[in-house]
C-alpha cells in the first residue's frame, strides 16, 4: 500500500524545511537604501544639438565665428588691461608720495636756540612742535595751544593791545603782517580745541596748523 503524498507547509514535515530554506537564503531587498535610477537625458540633448545644427546652419556658423573672434581678441585685451592696471597702481603710488611730501613734513623750528636768539622762545616752540610729532591726539591739541600762547607773546611784543589774541589780531594792519590770515586761521582752530568738547583733530591737520604758526613766527623772529 502506497504512502500518502507529503503536504507542503505543515510544521515538522519536508514542506516546512523547504519553506525555511527559501526564506533564509533569499532575503528581502533593503528598501531603505534603494534609490530609483535617474533619467538619462543625454540622448535627447545630443539629438537636439544635431537638430539645431541641421536646421540652422547659418546661426551655428555665426556662433563659431563669434567664439573664434572672442578668443582672438582676449589675449590683446588681457595685455591691455594688465598694462592699464600697472599704470594706475604706479600713478597711485606717485600721488601717495606727493601727499606724504605735502602733509607729512617734519615741523622745522622757527626759533633757533643760539646766542643771538631768544632761547626761551626757541625752547617753547620746540616743545610745541614735539607735541605734534607724537602719536597721542591729545598732544597734537596741546602743541597748538602752546603755539597760540607764543603768538600772544609775539603780538604783545609787537605792541598790540587787547584782552585776548583775537582783540590783538583785530588791531593788526594787514600791511604790517603778511601772515595775518594764517594767524587768524590757526587761532580759530585753537579756539575750537578749547571751546568745543570732542573736537576732532587729525595729525595732518595739526601739522598744517603748526605750519601756519611757524609762518607767522618766521616773519618776525626767524634767524
N, C-alpha and C. Protein backbone atom coordinates (compact mmCIF):
# COMPACT_ATOMS: atom_id res chain seq x y z
N UNK A 1 0.85 -1.19 0.00
CA UNK A 1 0.00 0.00 0.00
C UNK A 1 0.88 1.23 0.00
N UNK A 2 0.61 2.23 -0.85
CA UNK A 2 1.47 3.40 -1.02
C UNK A 2 1.20 4.43 0.07
N UNK A 3 2.30 5.16 0.46
CA UNK A 3 2.16 6.23 1.48
C UNK A 3 1.46 7.42 0.86
N UNK A 4 0.70 8.16 1.69
CA UNK A 4 0.01 9.37 1.18
C UNK A 4 1.04 10.44 0.78
N UNK A 5 0.72 11.28 -0.18
CA UNK A 5 1.67 12.35 -0.60
C UNK A 5 1.92 13.34 0.51
N UNK A 6 3.15 13.92 0.52
CA UNK A 6 3.55 14.90 1.55
C UNK A 6 2.84 16.23 1.31
N UNK A 7 2.40 16.85 2.39
CA UNK A 7 1.75 18.16 2.31
C UNK A 7 2.78 19.24 2.64
N UNK A 8 2.91 20.21 1.75
CA UNK A 8 3.85 21.31 1.95
C UNK A 8 3.26 22.33 2.91
N UNK A 9 4.14 22.92 3.71
CA UNK A 9 3.73 23.99 4.61
C UNK A 9 3.26 23.53 5.94
N UNK A 10 3.29 22.24 6.23
CA UNK A 10 2.86 21.73 7.52
C UNK A 10 4.08 21.57 8.38
N UNK A 11 4.03 22.04 9.64
CA UNK A 11 5.20 22.01 10.53
C UNK A 11 5.63 20.59 10.79
N UNK A 12 6.95 20.39 10.83
CA UNK A 12 7.52 19.07 11.10
C UNK A 12 7.60 18.19 9.91
N UNK A 13 7.21 18.66 8.72
CA UNK A 13 7.23 17.87 7.50
C UNK A 13 8.21 18.47 6.49
N UNK A 14 8.57 17.76 5.45
CA UNK A 14 9.54 18.27 4.46
C UNK A 14 9.11 19.60 3.85
N UNK A 15 7.84 19.89 3.72
CA UNK A 15 7.40 21.17 3.18
C UNK A 15 7.86 22.34 4.03
N UNK A 16 7.85 22.11 5.36
CA UNK A 16 8.29 23.17 6.26
C UNK A 16 9.77 23.44 6.08
N UNK A 17 10.59 22.47 5.86
CA UNK A 17 12.03 22.62 5.64
C UNK A 17 12.29 23.42 4.38
N UNK A 18 11.54 23.11 3.32
CA UNK A 18 11.73 23.84 2.07
C UNK A 18 11.38 25.32 2.24
N UNK A 19 10.34 25.57 3.04
CA UNK A 19 9.93 26.97 3.25
C UNK A 19 10.99 27.74 4.02
N UNK A 20 11.53 27.13 5.10
CA UNK A 20 12.55 27.78 5.89
C UNK A 20 13.82 28.01 5.08
N UNK A 21 14.22 27.06 4.27
CA UNK A 21 15.42 27.19 3.44
C UNK A 21 15.27 28.34 2.44
N UNK A 22 14.10 28.48 1.84
CA UNK A 22 13.87 29.55 0.87
C UNK A 22 13.89 30.90 1.55
N UNK A 23 13.37 31.00 2.78
CA UNK A 23 13.29 32.30 3.46
C UNK A 23 14.66 32.80 3.89
N UNK A 24 15.53 31.96 4.37
CA UNK A 24 16.84 32.38 4.86
C UNK A 24 17.86 32.56 3.76
N UNK A 25 17.68 31.94 2.62
CA UNK A 25 18.63 32.06 1.53
C UNK A 25 18.21 33.08 0.47
N UNK A 26 17.04 33.68 0.60
CA UNK A 26 16.57 34.71 -0.33
C UNK A 26 16.02 35.88 0.48
N UNK A 27 16.89 36.67 1.09
CA UNK A 27 16.42 37.78 1.94
C UNK A 27 15.71 38.83 1.11
N UNK A 28 14.83 39.55 1.76
CA UNK A 28 14.09 40.62 1.10
C UNK A 28 15.04 41.78 0.80
N UNK A 29 14.87 42.51 -0.30
CA UNK A 29 15.75 43.64 -0.61
C UNK A 29 15.58 44.76 0.41
N UNK A 30 16.69 45.45 0.68
CA UNK A 30 16.70 46.54 1.65
C UNK A 30 16.12 47.79 0.98
N UNK A 31 14.86 48.05 1.22
CA UNK A 31 14.20 49.17 0.55
C UNK A 31 14.63 50.51 1.12
N UNK A 32 15.26 50.51 2.34
CA UNK A 32 15.67 51.78 2.95
C UNK A 32 16.79 52.43 2.17
N UNK A 33 17.69 51.63 1.52
CA UNK A 33 18.81 52.17 0.78
C UNK A 33 18.61 52.07 -0.72
N UNK A 34 17.43 51.86 -1.13
CA UNK A 34 17.17 51.70 -2.56
C UNK A 34 16.78 53.05 -3.15
N UNK A 35 17.38 53.43 -4.26
CA UNK A 35 17.05 54.69 -4.94
C UNK A 35 16.80 54.38 -6.40
N UNK A 36 15.76 54.95 -6.97
CA UNK A 36 15.46 54.67 -8.38
C UNK A 36 16.51 55.29 -9.29
N UNK A 37 16.78 54.72 -10.41
CA UNK A 37 17.78 55.26 -11.34
C UNK A 37 17.33 56.59 -11.91
N UNK A 38 18.31 57.52 -12.10
CA UNK A 38 18.00 58.84 -12.64
C UNK A 38 17.79 58.75 -14.14
N UNK A 39 16.89 59.57 -14.66
CA UNK A 39 16.66 59.53 -16.12
C UNK A 39 17.88 60.05 -16.88
N UNK A 40 18.15 59.47 -17.98
CA UNK A 40 19.29 59.84 -18.82
C UNK A 40 18.79 60.70 -19.98
N UNK A 41 19.13 62.00 -19.93
CA UNK A 41 18.69 62.92 -20.96
C UNK A 41 19.74 63.15 -22.04
N UNK A 42 20.88 62.52 -21.89
CA UNK A 42 21.97 62.78 -22.86
C UNK A 42 21.56 62.45 -24.30
N UNK A 43 20.85 61.36 -24.56
CA UNK A 43 20.45 61.12 -25.97
C UNK A 43 19.56 62.23 -26.52
N UNK A 44 18.65 62.75 -25.68
CA UNK A 44 17.80 63.83 -26.14
C UNK A 44 18.60 65.09 -26.43
N UNK A 45 19.56 65.39 -25.55
CA UNK A 45 20.38 66.58 -25.76
C UNK A 45 21.20 66.47 -27.04
N UNK A 46 21.75 65.29 -27.27
CA UNK A 46 22.54 65.08 -28.50
C UNK A 46 21.65 65.24 -29.72
N UNK A 47 20.46 64.67 -29.64
CA UNK A 47 19.53 64.78 -30.76
C UNK A 47 19.13 66.23 -31.00
N UNK A 48 18.88 66.97 -29.90
CA UNK A 48 18.50 68.37 -30.04
C UNK A 48 19.63 69.19 -30.65
N UNK A 49 20.87 68.89 -30.24
CA UNK A 49 22.03 69.62 -30.79
C UNK A 49 22.16 69.35 -32.29
N UNK A 50 22.04 68.09 -32.69
CA UNK A 50 22.14 67.78 -34.12
C UNK A 50 20.99 68.41 -34.91
N UNK A 51 19.82 68.50 -34.27
CA UNK A 51 18.69 69.13 -34.96
C UNK A 51 18.94 70.61 -35.20
N UNK A 52 19.54 71.30 -34.17
CA UNK A 52 19.87 72.71 -34.33
C UNK A 52 20.91 72.92 -35.42
N UNK A 53 21.91 72.05 -35.43
CA UNK A 53 22.97 72.19 -36.44
C UNK A 53 22.41 71.99 -37.84
N UNK A 54 21.53 71.01 -37.98
CA UNK A 54 20.97 70.72 -39.30
C UNK A 54 19.93 71.76 -39.72
N UNK A 55 19.19 72.31 -38.73
CA UNK A 55 18.10 73.23 -39.07
C UNK A 55 18.57 74.67 -39.24
N UNK A 56 19.59 75.08 -38.47
CA UNK A 56 20.05 76.46 -38.52
C UNK A 56 21.56 76.51 -38.73
N UNK A 57 22.05 76.11 -39.84
CA UNK A 57 23.50 76.10 -40.07
C UNK A 57 24.10 77.49 -40.06
N UNK A 58 23.36 78.50 -40.49
CA UNK A 58 23.91 79.86 -40.51
C UNK A 58 24.15 80.38 -39.09
N UNK A 59 23.20 80.10 -38.19
CA UNK A 59 23.36 80.55 -36.80
C UNK A 59 24.55 79.86 -36.15
N UNK A 60 24.68 78.57 -36.40
CA UNK A 60 25.80 77.82 -35.82
C UNK A 60 27.12 78.35 -36.35
N UNK A 61 27.18 78.64 -37.63
CA UNK A 61 28.41 79.19 -38.21
C UNK A 61 28.76 80.54 -37.60
N UNK A 62 27.72 81.37 -37.39
CA UNK A 62 27.96 82.68 -36.78
C UNK A 62 28.49 82.54 -35.36
N UNK A 63 27.90 81.63 -34.59
CA UNK A 63 28.36 81.43 -33.22
C UNK A 63 29.80 80.94 -33.18
N UNK A 64 30.14 80.05 -34.10
CA UNK A 64 31.52 79.57 -34.16
C UNK A 64 32.47 80.70 -34.50
N UNK A 65 32.09 81.52 -35.47
CA UNK A 65 32.95 82.64 -35.86
C UNK A 65 33.08 83.65 -34.72
N UNK A 66 31.96 83.92 -34.03
CA UNK A 66 31.99 84.88 -32.92
C UNK A 66 32.86 84.36 -31.78
N UNK A 67 32.76 83.09 -31.48
CA UNK A 67 33.59 82.49 -30.44
C UNK A 67 35.08 82.60 -30.81
N UNK A 68 35.38 82.32 -32.10
CA UNK A 68 36.77 82.46 -32.53
C UNK A 68 37.25 83.89 -32.42
N UNK A 69 36.35 84.86 -32.71
CA UNK A 69 36.71 86.28 -32.59
C UNK A 69 37.02 86.64 -31.13
N UNK A 70 36.18 86.16 -30.20
CA UNK A 70 36.42 86.43 -28.79
C UNK A 70 37.74 85.86 -28.31
N UNK A 71 38.02 84.63 -28.75
CA UNK A 71 39.30 84.02 -28.37
C UNK A 71 40.46 84.81 -28.95
N UNK A 72 40.28 85.32 -30.17
CA UNK A 72 41.36 86.06 -30.80
C UNK A 72 41.68 87.38 -30.13
N UNK A 73 40.64 88.10 -29.65
CA UNK A 73 40.89 89.41 -29.03
C UNK A 73 41.13 89.30 -27.53
N UNK A 74 40.93 88.14 -26.93
CA UNK A 74 41.09 88.02 -25.49
C UNK A 74 42.53 88.27 -25.05
N UNK A 75 43.49 87.78 -25.84
CA UNK A 75 44.89 87.96 -25.46
C UNK A 75 45.31 89.42 -25.50
N UNK A 76 45.10 90.16 -26.61
CA UNK A 76 45.50 91.58 -26.58
C UNK A 76 44.72 92.40 -25.56
N UNK A 77 43.42 92.06 -25.34
CA UNK A 77 42.67 92.78 -24.32
C UNK A 77 43.24 92.53 -22.93
N UNK A 78 43.63 91.29 -22.67
CA UNK A 78 44.23 90.97 -21.36
C UNK A 78 45.51 91.75 -21.15
N UNK A 79 46.35 91.81 -22.19
CA UNK A 79 47.60 92.56 -22.09
C UNK A 79 47.31 94.05 -21.85
N UNK A 80 46.32 94.58 -22.57
CA UNK A 80 45.96 95.99 -22.43
C UNK A 80 45.50 96.30 -21.01
N UNK A 81 44.64 95.46 -20.46
CA UNK A 81 44.14 95.70 -19.11
C UNK A 81 45.23 95.55 -18.07
N UNK A 82 46.13 94.60 -18.25
CA UNK A 82 47.24 94.44 -17.31
C UNK A 82 48.11 95.69 -17.31
N UNK A 83 48.41 96.20 -18.51
CA UNK A 83 49.21 97.43 -18.59
C UNK A 83 48.48 98.59 -17.92
N UNK A 84 47.15 98.67 -18.15
CA UNK A 84 46.37 99.74 -17.52
C UNK A 84 46.38 99.65 -16.00
N UNK A 85 46.28 98.44 -15.47
CA UNK A 85 46.31 98.26 -14.02
C UNK A 85 47.66 98.67 -13.44
N UNK A 86 48.73 98.24 -14.11
CA UNK A 86 50.07 98.60 -13.63
C UNK A 86 50.26 100.12 -13.66
N UNK A 87 49.78 100.76 -14.74
CA UNK A 87 49.91 102.21 -14.86
C UNK A 87 49.14 102.92 -13.74
N UNK A 88 47.92 102.45 -13.46
CA UNK A 88 47.12 103.06 -12.40
C UNK A 88 47.77 102.89 -11.03
N UNK A 89 48.31 101.70 -10.77
CA UNK A 89 48.96 101.45 -9.49
C UNK A 89 50.17 102.36 -9.31
N UNK A 90 50.98 102.50 -10.37
CA UNK A 90 52.16 103.37 -10.28
C UNK A 90 51.74 104.82 -10.11
N UNK A 91 50.67 105.23 -10.80
CA UNK A 91 50.19 106.59 -10.62
C UNK A 91 49.70 106.86 -9.22
N UNK A 92 49.03 105.86 -8.63
CA UNK A 92 48.56 106.00 -7.25
C UNK A 92 49.73 106.11 -6.29
N UNK A 93 50.79 105.35 -6.55
CA UNK A 93 51.98 105.45 -5.71
C UNK A 93 52.58 106.84 -5.76
N UNK A 94 52.63 107.43 -6.97
CA UNK A 94 53.18 108.78 -7.10
C UNK A 94 52.32 109.80 -6.36
N UNK A 95 50.99 109.62 -6.44
CA UNK A 95 50.10 110.54 -5.73
C UNK A 95 50.30 110.42 -4.22
N UNK A 96 50.39 109.19 -3.72
CA UNK A 96 50.61 108.99 -2.29
C UNK A 96 51.93 109.59 -1.84
N UNK A 97 52.94 109.48 -2.68
CA UNK A 97 54.25 110.03 -2.34
C UNK A 97 54.19 111.55 -2.23
N UNK A 98 53.48 112.18 -3.19
CA UNK A 98 53.33 113.63 -3.15
C UNK A 98 52.53 114.07 -1.93
N UNK A 99 51.48 113.30 -1.60
CA UNK A 99 50.69 113.64 -0.41
C UNK A 99 51.55 113.56 0.85
N UNK A 100 52.42 112.54 0.90
CA UNK A 100 53.30 112.42 2.06
C UNK A 100 54.26 113.60 2.14
N UNK A 101 54.75 114.04 0.99
CA UNK A 101 55.66 115.18 0.99
C UNK A 101 54.97 116.47 1.43
N UNK A 102 53.66 116.59 1.10
CA UNK A 102 52.94 117.81 1.45
C UNK A 102 52.47 117.79 2.90
N UNK A 103 51.90 116.66 3.33
CA UNK A 103 51.23 116.62 4.63
C UNK A 103 52.06 116.01 5.75
N UNK A 104 53.12 115.33 5.44
CA UNK A 104 53.86 114.61 6.48
C UNK A 104 55.26 115.17 6.65
N UNK A 105 55.41 116.47 6.43
CA UNK A 105 56.71 117.09 6.60
C UNK A 105 57.02 117.27 8.07
N UNK A 106 58.28 117.16 8.42
CA UNK A 106 58.70 117.44 9.78
C UNK A 106 58.58 118.94 10.03
N UNK A 107 58.10 119.31 11.20
CA UNK A 107 57.96 120.72 11.53
C UNK A 107 59.33 121.28 11.88
N UNK A 108 59.73 122.30 11.17
CA UNK A 108 61.03 122.91 11.41
C UNK A 108 60.89 124.04 12.42
N UNK A 109 61.82 124.16 13.33
CA UNK A 109 61.72 125.22 14.34
C UNK A 109 61.86 126.59 13.72
N UNK A 110 61.00 127.52 14.17
CA UNK A 110 61.06 128.89 13.68
C UNK A 110 62.02 129.73 14.50
N UNK A 111 62.37 129.25 15.70
CA UNK A 111 63.30 129.97 16.55
C UNK A 111 64.51 129.09 16.81
N UNK A 112 65.68 129.62 16.64
CA UNK A 112 66.91 128.88 16.86
C UNK A 112 67.47 129.23 18.23
N UNK A 113 67.82 128.20 18.99
CA UNK A 113 68.39 128.42 20.31
C UNK A 113 69.87 128.73 20.18
N UNK A 114 70.18 129.90 19.73
CA UNK A 114 71.57 130.32 19.58
C UNK A 114 71.80 131.54 20.47
N UNK A 115 73.04 131.98 20.57
CA UNK A 115 73.38 133.07 21.48
C UNK A 115 72.69 134.37 21.10
N UNK A 116 72.44 134.56 19.79
CA UNK A 116 71.83 135.82 19.35
C UNK A 116 70.32 135.76 19.33
N UNK A 117 69.73 134.60 19.62
CA UNK A 117 68.28 134.46 19.55
C UNK A 117 67.65 134.40 20.91
N UNK A 118 66.34 134.25 20.91
CA UNK A 118 65.57 134.15 22.14
C UNK A 118 65.51 132.68 22.52
N UNK A 119 66.35 132.25 23.44
CA UNK A 119 66.45 130.83 23.79
C UNK A 119 65.18 130.32 24.45
N UNK A 120 64.54 131.17 25.25
CA UNK A 120 63.30 130.75 25.92
C UNK A 120 62.22 130.49 24.89
N UNK A 121 62.09 131.43 23.93
CA UNK A 121 61.09 131.27 22.88
C UNK A 121 61.40 130.03 22.03
N UNK A 122 62.68 129.81 21.76
CA UNK A 122 63.08 128.66 20.95
C UNK A 122 62.69 127.35 21.62
N UNK A 123 62.90 127.25 22.91
CA UNK A 123 62.55 126.02 23.62
C UNK A 123 61.04 125.84 23.70
N UNK A 124 60.30 126.91 23.85
CA UNK A 124 58.85 126.80 23.89
C UNK A 124 58.32 126.33 22.54
N UNK A 125 58.88 126.87 21.47
CA UNK A 125 58.46 126.44 20.13
C UNK A 125 58.85 124.99 19.88
N UNK A 126 60.03 124.61 20.31
CA UNK A 126 60.47 123.23 20.13
C UNK A 126 59.54 122.27 20.88
N UNK A 127 59.09 122.68 22.05
CA UNK A 127 58.17 121.84 22.81
C UNK A 127 56.83 121.70 22.09
N UNK A 128 56.36 122.79 21.49
CA UNK A 128 55.09 122.73 20.75
C UNK A 128 55.21 121.81 19.54
N UNK A 129 56.29 121.93 18.79
CA UNK A 129 56.46 121.08 17.61
C UNK A 129 56.67 119.62 17.99
N UNK A 130 57.26 119.37 19.14
CA UNK A 130 57.44 117.99 19.59
C UNK A 130 56.09 117.33 19.86
N UNK A 131 55.15 118.10 20.33
CA UNK A 131 53.82 117.56 20.62
C UNK A 131 53.14 117.06 19.34
N UNK A 132 53.24 117.79 18.24
CA UNK A 132 52.54 117.37 17.02
C UNK A 132 53.22 116.18 16.35
N UNK A 133 54.44 115.85 16.75
CA UNK A 133 55.10 114.66 16.22
C UNK A 133 54.76 113.42 17.04
N UNK A 134 54.01 113.61 18.11
CA UNK A 134 53.63 112.49 18.97
C UNK A 134 52.56 111.64 18.29
N UNK A 135 52.32 110.45 18.85
CA UNK A 135 51.25 109.57 18.37
C UNK A 135 49.97 109.75 19.17
N UNK A 136 50.00 110.64 20.13
CA UNK A 136 48.85 110.86 21.00
C UNK A 136 48.05 112.07 20.51
N UNK A 137 46.77 111.91 20.15
CA UNK A 137 45.96 113.05 19.68
C UNK A 137 45.88 114.19 20.67
N UNK A 138 45.92 113.90 21.97
CA UNK A 138 45.87 114.98 22.96
C UNK A 138 47.12 115.85 22.89
N UNK A 139 48.25 115.25 22.54
CA UNK A 139 49.49 116.03 22.40
C UNK A 139 49.39 117.00 21.23
N UNK A 140 48.70 116.59 20.14
CA UNK A 140 48.55 117.48 18.98
C UNK A 140 47.80 118.75 19.39
N UNK A 141 46.75 118.59 20.17
CA UNK A 141 45.98 119.74 20.63
C UNK A 141 46.81 120.60 21.58
N UNK A 142 47.58 119.96 22.45
CA UNK A 142 48.42 120.70 23.38
C UNK A 142 49.48 121.51 22.65
N UNK A 143 50.04 120.94 21.58
CA UNK A 143 51.03 121.67 20.79
C UNK A 143 50.45 122.93 20.17
N UNK A 144 49.21 122.85 19.67
CA UNK A 144 48.56 124.03 19.08
C UNK A 144 48.27 125.08 20.14
N UNK A 145 47.84 124.65 21.32
CA UNK A 145 47.58 125.60 22.41
C UNK A 145 48.86 126.32 22.81
N UNK A 146 49.96 125.60 22.89
CA UNK A 146 51.24 126.22 23.26
C UNK A 146 51.70 127.19 22.17
N UNK A 147 51.50 126.81 20.91
CA UNK A 147 51.88 127.72 19.83
C UNK A 147 51.04 128.98 19.86
N UNK A 148 49.78 128.88 20.27
CA UNK A 148 48.92 130.06 20.36
C UNK A 148 49.37 130.98 21.47
N UNK A 149 49.90 130.42 22.55
CA UNK A 149 50.45 131.25 23.64
C UNK A 149 51.66 132.03 23.14
N UNK A 150 52.49 131.36 22.32
CA UNK A 150 53.64 132.06 21.73
C UNK A 150 53.16 133.20 20.83
N UNK A 151 52.08 132.96 20.09
CA UNK A 151 51.52 134.01 19.24
C UNK A 151 51.07 135.20 20.08
N UNK A 152 50.48 134.94 21.22
CA UNK A 152 50.05 136.02 22.12
C UNK A 152 51.25 136.85 22.57
N UNK A 153 52.34 136.17 22.95
CA UNK A 153 53.54 136.89 23.37
C UNK A 153 54.11 137.72 22.22
N UNK A 154 54.07 137.16 21.02
CA UNK A 154 54.58 137.88 19.86
C UNK A 154 53.78 139.17 19.62
N UNK A 155 52.47 139.07 19.66
CA UNK A 155 51.64 140.25 19.42
C UNK A 155 51.87 141.30 20.50
N UNK A 156 52.08 140.85 21.72
CA UNK A 156 52.35 141.80 22.80
C UNK A 156 53.67 142.52 22.57
N UNK A 157 54.68 141.77 22.16
CA UNK A 157 55.99 142.39 21.89
C UNK A 157 55.92 143.36 20.72
N UNK A 158 55.02 143.09 19.78
CA UNK A 158 54.87 143.99 18.63
C UNK A 158 54.07 145.24 18.99
N UNK A 159 53.52 145.29 20.23
CA UNK A 159 52.85 146.50 20.68
C UNK A 159 51.35 146.49 20.53
N UNK A 160 50.74 145.35 20.23
CA UNK A 160 49.29 145.29 20.06
C UNK A 160 48.62 145.03 21.41
N UNK A 161 47.57 145.80 21.71
CA UNK A 161 46.89 145.70 22.98
C UNK A 161 45.56 144.98 22.80
N UNK A 162 45.11 144.35 23.88
CA UNK A 162 43.82 143.68 23.84
C UNK A 162 43.73 142.65 24.94
N UNK A 163 42.50 142.30 25.32
CA UNK A 163 42.31 141.31 26.38
C UNK A 163 42.55 139.89 25.88
N UNK A 164 42.40 139.67 24.59
CA UNK A 164 42.57 138.33 24.03
C UNK A 164 43.40 138.43 22.75
N UNK A 165 43.79 137.25 22.24
CA UNK A 165 44.54 137.22 21.00
C UNK A 165 43.69 137.75 19.86
N UNK A 166 42.40 137.44 19.89
CA UNK A 166 41.51 137.93 18.85
C UNK A 166 41.45 139.45 18.82
N UNK A 167 41.41 140.06 20.01
CA UNK A 167 41.39 141.52 20.08
C UNK A 167 42.68 142.11 19.51
N UNK A 168 43.79 141.48 19.79
CA UNK A 168 45.07 141.98 19.29
C UNK A 168 45.17 141.82 17.78
N UNK A 169 44.68 140.68 17.26
CA UNK A 169 44.74 140.46 15.81
C UNK A 169 43.85 141.46 15.07
N UNK A 170 42.76 141.89 15.70
CA UNK A 170 41.89 142.87 15.05
C UNK A 170 42.58 144.21 14.88
N UNK A 171 43.58 144.51 15.69
CA UNK A 171 44.29 145.78 15.63
C UNK A 171 45.44 145.75 14.62
N UNK A 172 45.72 144.54 14.08
CA UNK A 172 46.85 144.41 13.16
C UNK A 172 46.45 144.90 11.78
N UNK A 173 47.24 145.75 11.21
CA UNK A 173 47.04 146.19 9.83
C UNK A 173 47.56 145.11 8.90
N UNK A 174 46.75 144.67 7.92
CA UNK A 174 47.22 143.61 7.01
C UNK A 174 48.56 143.94 6.36
N UNK A 175 48.84 145.21 6.15
CA UNK A 175 50.11 145.58 5.54
C UNK A 175 51.29 145.40 6.48
N UNK A 176 51.02 145.33 7.78
CA UNK A 176 52.09 145.17 8.76
C UNK A 176 52.40 143.71 9.06
N UNK A 177 51.52 142.82 8.68
CA UNK A 177 51.74 141.38 8.93
C UNK A 177 51.28 140.59 7.72
N UNK A 178 52.21 140.11 6.94
CA UNK A 178 51.88 139.35 5.73
C UNK A 178 51.18 138.04 6.06
N UNK A 179 51.46 137.50 7.21
CA UNK A 179 50.89 136.20 7.60
C UNK A 179 49.68 136.37 8.51
N UNK A 180 48.97 137.49 8.39
CA UNK A 180 47.83 137.74 9.27
C UNK A 180 46.73 136.70 9.07
N UNK A 181 46.45 136.33 7.83
CA UNK A 181 45.41 135.32 7.59
C UNK A 181 45.76 133.99 8.24
N UNK A 182 47.04 133.59 8.16
CA UNK A 182 47.47 132.34 8.79
C UNK A 182 47.31 132.43 10.31
N UNK A 183 47.62 133.60 10.88
CA UNK A 183 47.47 133.78 12.32
C UNK A 183 46.01 133.62 12.75
N UNK A 184 45.10 134.25 11.98
CA UNK A 184 43.69 134.13 12.30
C UNK A 184 43.20 132.68 12.19
N UNK A 185 43.56 132.01 11.10
CA UNK A 185 43.08 130.64 10.89
C UNK A 185 43.60 129.70 11.96
N UNK A 186 44.89 129.83 12.31
CA UNK A 186 45.46 128.98 13.35
C UNK A 186 44.80 129.26 14.69
N UNK A 187 44.56 130.52 14.99
CA UNK A 187 43.93 130.88 16.26
C UNK A 187 42.51 130.35 16.35
N UNK A 188 41.77 130.35 15.24
CA UNK A 188 40.41 129.81 15.24
C UNK A 188 40.41 128.32 15.56
N UNK A 189 41.41 127.57 15.04
CA UNK A 189 41.50 126.14 15.38
C UNK A 189 41.77 125.97 16.86
N UNK A 190 42.64 126.83 17.40
CA UNK A 190 42.92 126.76 18.85
C UNK A 190 41.64 126.99 19.65
N UNK A 191 40.79 127.94 19.21
CA UNK A 191 39.55 128.21 19.93
C UNK A 191 38.60 127.01 19.85
N UNK A 192 38.59 126.32 18.70
CA UNK A 192 37.76 125.12 18.59
C UNK A 192 38.23 124.04 19.55
N UNK A 193 39.53 123.91 19.69
CA UNK A 193 40.07 122.93 20.62
C UNK A 193 39.68 123.28 22.06
N UNK A 194 39.73 124.55 22.39
CA UNK A 194 39.49 124.98 23.76
C UNK A 194 38.01 125.01 24.12
N UNK A 195 37.14 125.30 23.16
CA UNK A 195 35.74 125.56 23.49
C UNK A 195 34.75 124.53 22.95
N UNK A 196 35.22 123.60 22.12
CA UNK A 196 34.32 122.59 21.56
C UNK A 196 34.72 121.21 22.07
N UNK A 197 34.00 120.67 23.05
CA UNK A 197 34.33 119.33 23.56
C UNK A 197 34.23 118.28 22.45
N UNK A 198 35.19 117.40 22.40
CA UNK A 198 35.19 116.35 21.39
C UNK A 198 35.60 116.81 20.02
N UNK A 199 36.22 117.99 19.91
CA UNK A 199 36.66 118.48 18.60
C UNK A 199 37.65 117.49 18.00
N UNK A 200 37.36 117.03 16.77
CA UNK A 200 38.20 116.03 16.11
C UNK A 200 39.35 116.72 15.39
N UNK A 201 40.55 116.23 15.63
CA UNK A 201 41.75 116.79 15.01
C UNK A 201 42.68 115.64 14.65
N UNK A 202 43.02 115.53 13.36
CA UNK A 202 43.99 114.51 12.97
C UNK A 202 45.38 115.11 12.91
N UNK A 203 46.38 114.25 12.79
CA UNK A 203 47.76 114.72 12.84
C UNK A 203 48.13 115.59 11.65
N UNK A 204 47.58 115.26 10.49
CA UNK A 204 47.87 116.07 9.30
C UNK A 204 47.38 117.50 9.50
N UNK A 205 46.18 117.66 10.03
CA UNK A 205 45.64 118.99 10.28
C UNK A 205 46.44 119.71 11.36
N UNK A 206 46.86 118.97 12.39
CA UNK A 206 47.66 119.58 13.46
C UNK A 206 48.97 120.12 12.91
N UNK A 207 49.61 119.36 12.03
CA UNK A 207 50.87 119.83 11.43
C UNK A 207 50.63 121.04 10.53
N UNK A 208 49.49 121.05 9.85
CA UNK A 208 49.18 122.19 8.98
C UNK A 208 49.00 123.46 9.82
N UNK A 209 48.31 123.34 10.96
CA UNK A 209 48.09 124.49 11.84
C UNK A 209 49.41 124.97 12.43
N UNK A 210 50.24 124.05 12.87
CA UNK A 210 51.56 124.42 13.40
C UNK A 210 52.38 125.12 12.32
N UNK A 211 52.22 124.67 11.07
CA UNK A 211 52.92 125.32 9.97
C UNK A 211 52.49 126.77 9.78
N UNK A 212 51.21 127.06 10.03
CA UNK A 212 50.73 128.44 9.93
C UNK A 212 51.31 129.30 11.06
N UNK A 213 51.37 128.75 12.26
CA UNK A 213 52.02 129.48 13.36
C UNK A 213 53.49 129.75 13.00
N UNK A 214 54.14 128.75 12.44
CA UNK A 214 55.55 128.90 12.09
C UNK A 214 55.74 130.04 11.08
N UNK A 215 54.81 130.14 10.11
CA UNK A 215 54.93 131.20 9.11
C UNK A 215 54.86 132.58 9.77
N UNK A 216 53.98 132.71 10.76
CA UNK A 216 53.87 133.99 11.48
C UNK A 216 55.16 134.28 12.25
N UNK A 217 55.68 133.27 12.95
CA UNK A 217 56.86 133.49 13.78
C UNK A 217 58.09 133.78 12.91
N UNK A 218 58.18 133.09 11.78
CA UNK A 218 59.33 133.30 10.91
C UNK A 218 59.34 134.73 10.34
N UNK A 219 58.17 135.29 10.15
CA UNK A 219 58.10 136.63 9.60
C UNK A 219 58.76 137.65 10.50
N UNK A 220 58.74 137.38 11.82
CA UNK A 220 59.27 138.39 12.76
C UNK A 220 60.48 137.92 13.57
N UNK A 221 60.63 136.61 13.75
CA UNK A 221 61.67 136.15 14.67
C UNK A 221 62.63 135.14 14.04
N UNK A 222 62.49 134.78 12.83
CA UNK A 222 63.35 133.75 12.25
C UNK A 222 64.78 134.26 12.10
N UNK A 223 65.74 133.43 12.48
CA UNK A 223 67.17 133.83 12.42
C UNK A 223 67.87 133.04 11.32
